[in-house]
Amino acid sequence: MYFHPLQEDLLKLSDTDISKRIKELSRKVGIARRFGRNPDILHKLQEALQTYQTEIRNRRLEEWHKKNKKARGEPDIGDLINIE
């Protein structure tokens, strides 16, 4: 996964904030493609966009797994371990 030192911590952002960043970056990538004068900027924008898209995809996939696990009645690992 791409990481830029100036990029905020994705774990602290809500899904709504990440979706907003994806929208902003998509717009900026489109502008960079139209003008096409600096391929390095376009590449960095695409990497940042990919980072946010991957994060939102992973969150949705994790939520989907939790929901399906609960629907099938599978116990959580924490429920199976008795520490007492």
Protein backbone atom coordinates (compact mmCIF):
# COMPACT_ATOMS: atom_id res chain seq x y z
CA MET A 1 0.00 0.00 0.00
CA TYR A 2 1.20 3.49 -0.83
CA PHE A 3 2.02 5.74 2.09
CA HIS A 4 2.99 9.39 1.95
CA PRO A 5 4.49 10.98 5.07
CA LEU A 6 2.16 13.98 4.79
CA GLN A 7 -0.96 11.83 4.41
CA GLU A 8 -3.23 11.66 7.42
CA ASP A 9 -3.76 8.46 9.35
CA LEU A 10 -6.51 6.56 7.54
CA LEU A 11 -7.57 4.70 10.67
CA LYS A 12 -8.65 7.99 12.25
CA LEU A 13 -10.87 8.97 9.30
CA SER A 14 -14.52 8.02 9.01
CA ASP A 15 -15.93 6.33 5.91
CA THR A 16 -17.55 9.64 4.94
CA ASP A 17 -14.23 11.48 5.15
CA ILE A 18 -12.48 8.85 3.05
CA SER A 19 -15.26 9.00 0.45
CA LYS A 20 -14.85 12.78 0.28
CA ARG A 21 -11.08 12.39 -0.23
CA ILE A 22 -11.72 9.85 -3.00
CA LYS A 23 -14.05 12.28 -4.74
CA GLU A 24 -11.55 15.15 -4.44
CA LEU A 25 -8.64 13.06 -5.66
CA SER A 26 -10.68 11.66 -8.57
CA ARG A 27 -11.40 15.20 -9.68
CA LYS A 28 -7.72 16.15 -9.37
CA VAL A 29 -6.64 13.05 -11.31
CA GLY A 30 -9.03 14.05 -14.10
CA ILE A 31 -7.58 17.54 -14.22
CA ALA A 32 -4.02 16.18 -14.23
CA ARG A 33 -4.89 13.83 -17.11
CA ARG A 34 -6.39 16.64 -19.18
CA PHE A 35 -3.40 18.88 -18.87
CA GLY A 36 -0.88 16.03 -18.85
CA ARG A 37 2.16 18.23 -18.45
CA ASN A 38 3.54 16.54 -15.38
CA PRO A 39 3.23 12.75 -15.33
CA ASP A 40 4.89 12.58 -11.89
CA ILE A 41 2.07 14.55 -10.29
CA LEU A 42 -0.50 12.37 -12.02
CA HIS A 43 1.27 9.25 -10.74
CA LYS A 44 1.37 10.54 -7.13
CA LEU A 45 -2.31 11.52 -7.28
CA GLN A 46 -3.20 8.07 -8.58
CA GLU A 47 -1.20 6.42 -5.79
CA ALA A 48 -2.94 8.51 -3.14
CA LEU A 49 -6.33 7.75 -4.71
CA GLN A 50 -5.51 4.04 -4.73
CA THR A 51 -4.62 4.20 -1.03
CA TYR A 52 -8.00 5.67 -0.08
CA GLN A 53 -9.89 3.29 -2.38
CA THR A 54 -8.09 0.30 -0.87
CA GLU A 55 -8.87 1.47 2.67
CA ILE A 56 -12.61 1.95 2.00
CA ARG A 57 -12.74 -1.41 0.17
CA ASN A 58 -11.07 -3.17 3.11
CA ARG A 59 -13.47 -1.57 5.58
CA ARG A 60 -16.50 -2.60 3.57
CA LEU A 61 -15.19 -6.11 3.10
CA GLU A 62 -14.52 -6.46 6.84
CA GLU A 63 -18.03 -5.21 7.65
CA TRP A 64 -19.50 -7.65 5.11
CA HIS A 65 -17.61 -10.56 6.70
CA LYS A 66 -18.82 -9.59 10.17
CA LYS A 67 -22.41 -9.31 8.99
CA ASN A 68 -22.37 -12.66 7.17
CA LYS A 69 -20.65 -14.39 10.08
CA LYS A 70 -23.35 -13.14 12.42
CA ALA A 71 -26.12 -14.12 9.96
CA ARG A 72 -24.77 -17.67 9.75
CA GLY A 73 -24.62 -17.86 13.53
CA GLU A 74 -20.89 -18.45 13.69
CA PRO A 75 -19.44 -17.47 17.06
CA ASP A 76 -16.74 -14.85 17.30
CA ILE A 77 -13.26 -16.07 18.29
CA GLY A 78 -13.60 -14.09 21.53
CA ASP A 79 -16.76 -16.04 22.34
CA LEU A 80 -14.95 -19.37 21.99
CA ILE A 81 -12.11 -18.59 24.39
CA ASN A 82 -12.84 -18.90 28.10
CA ILE A 83 -10.13 -17.21 30.13
CA GLU A 84 -11.57 -17.96 33.58
